[in-house]
Protein backbone atom coordinates (compact mmCIF):
# COMPACT_ATOMS: atom_id res chain seq x y z
CA UNK A 1 0.00 0.00 0.00
CA UNK A 2 1.08 3.51 -0.68
CA UNK A 3 0.50 6.51 1.50
CA UNK A 4 -2.92 8.02 0.91
CA UNK A 5 -3.10 10.51 -1.96
CA UNK A 6 -5.04 13.61 -0.91
CA UNK A 7 -7.35 14.55 -3.75
CA UNK A 8 -7.45 18.15 -4.96
CA UNK A 9 -11.15 17.68 -5.68
CA UNK A 10 -13.19 15.10 -3.72
CA UNK A 11 -15.01 12.36 -5.63
CA UNK A 12 -17.82 9.99 -4.78
CA UNK A 13 -17.39 6.21 -4.68
CA UNK A 14 -19.79 3.59 -3.35
CA UNK A 15 -22.19 6.39 -2.40
CA UNK A 16 -19.66 8.12 -0.15
CA UNK A 17 -17.51 11.22 -0.66
CA UNK A 18 -13.75 10.56 -0.77
CA UNK A 19 -11.07 13.18 -0.25
CA UNK A 20 -8.15 10.74 -0.48
CA UNK A 21 -7.33 7.43 -2.11
CA UNK A 22 -4.92 4.71 -1.04
CA UNK A 23 -3.49 2.57 -3.82
CA UNK A 24 -2.35 -1.00 -3.31
CA UNK A 25 0.05 -2.84 -5.57
CA UNK A 26 -1.79 -4.76 -8.33
CA UNK A 27 -1.54 -8.54 -8.36
CA UNK A 28 -0.12 -10.51 -11.27
CA UNK A 29 -3.63 -11.85 -11.90
CA UNK A 30 -5.00 -8.29 -12.15
CA UNK A 31 -2.18 -7.26 -14.51
CA UNK A 32 -2.89 -10.26 -16.72
CA UNK A 33 -6.62 -9.43 -16.72
CA UNK A 34 -5.96 -5.82 -17.78
CA UNK A 35 -3.43 -7.10 -20.37
CA UNK A 36 -1.38 -3.91 -20.56
CA UNK A 37 1.07 -1.80 -18.63
CA UNK A 38 0.05 1.71 -17.52
CA UNK A 39 2.92 3.25 -19.48
CA UNK A 40 4.68 3.03 -22.83
CA UNK A 41 8.39 3.27 -23.61
CA UNK A 42 9.26 4.74 -27.00
CA UNK A 43 12.36 4.09 -29.13
CA UNK A 44 14.23 6.86 -27.32
CA UNK A 45 13.35 5.15 -24.03
CA UNK A 46 11.08 8.02 -22.99
CA UNK A 47 8.26 6.88 -20.72
CA UNK A 48 4.70 8.13 -21.21
CA UNK A 49 1.50 7.15 -19.46
CA UNK A 50 -1.25 5.18 -21.15
CA UNK A 51 -4.15 6.98 -19.49
CA UNK A 52 -6.84 4.43 -20.44
CA UNK A 53 -4.83 1.62 -18.89
CA UNK A 54 -3.76 3.72 -15.89
CA UNK A 55 -7.43 4.52 -15.19
CA UNK A 56 -8.21 0.79 -15.08
CA UNK A 57 -5.40 0.24 -12.57
CA UNK A 58 -6.55 3.18 -10.43
CA UNK A 59 -10.03 1.64 -10.18
CA UNK A 60 -8.63 -1.78 -9.24
CA UNK A 61 -5.85 -0.60 -6.92
CA UNK A 62 -7.95 2.01 -5.11
CA UNK A 63 -11.03 -0.24 -4.95
CA UNK A 64 -13.30 2.29 -6.62
CA UNK A 65 -15.63 1.94 -9.60
CA UNK A 66 -14.48 3.19 -13.03
CA UNK A 67 -17.22 5.84 -12.87
CA UNK A 68 -15.47 7.30 -9.80
CA UNK A 69 -12.16 7.43 -11.68
CA UNK A 70 -13.97 9.56 -14.29
CA UNK A 71 -14.76 12.11 -11.56
CA UNK A 72 -11.08 12.74 -10.76
CA UNK A 73 -9.59 16.17 -11.30
CA UNK A 74 -6.90 16.10 -14.00
CA UNK A 75 -4.13 16.79 -11.49
CA UNK A 76 -5.35 13.91 -9.30
CA UNK A 77 -5.58 11.61 -12.33
CA UNK A 78 -1.98 12.48 -13.23
CA UNK A 79 -0.69 11.94 -9.68
CA UNK A 80 -2.49 8.60 -9.28
CA UNK A 81 -1.44 7.39 -12.74
CA UNK A 82 2.24 7.97 -12.01
CA UNK A 83 1.83 6.28 -8.63
CA UNK A 84 0.39 3.21 -10.38
CA UNK A 85 3.22 3.23 -12.94
CA UNK A 86 5.68 3.32 -10.04
CA UNK A 87 4.49 -0.11 -8.90
CA UNK A 88 5.94 -1.55 -12.11
CA UNK A 89 9.27 0.24 -11.80
CA UNK A 90 10.38 -1.09 -8.40
CA UNK A 91 10.33 -4.38 -6.56
CA UNK A 92 7.70 -4.91 -3.87
CA UNK A 93 10.39 -5.34 -1.24
CA UNK A 94 14.13 -5.24 -1.13
CA UNK A 95 16.07 -8.40 -0.23
CA UNK A 96 17.60 -8.22 3.22
CA UNK A 97 21.37 -7.79 3.36
CA UNK A 98 23.08 -10.69 5.09
C-alpha cells in the first residue's frame, strides 16, 4: 500500500464522498486481466503514461468503480497514474542484506 493521496477535488465512490485514495500494488492476476502496462516506452526510451490503462489500474488498486475514476480532477488523475506506474518500476520489497 502507498501513502494516501489527498485529492485536490473530492469524488464519490460507493455512495460516499472521498477526499483521499490509497493505492495497493496490483496482483499478477490483475495485470494479466488488464493485459497492458500503464505506461509506454518509445524508441528513445522516454516513458509516457497510457491513461486508459492507468485509469483501469486506479479503479482496481484504489477499490473504486471506473465511474469514480472519471470524476477525478486532471491533477489527481496524473498523480495517481504515475503512482500506479511506479508499482511496475520497483520491486515490492528489497532483499535483506546478510
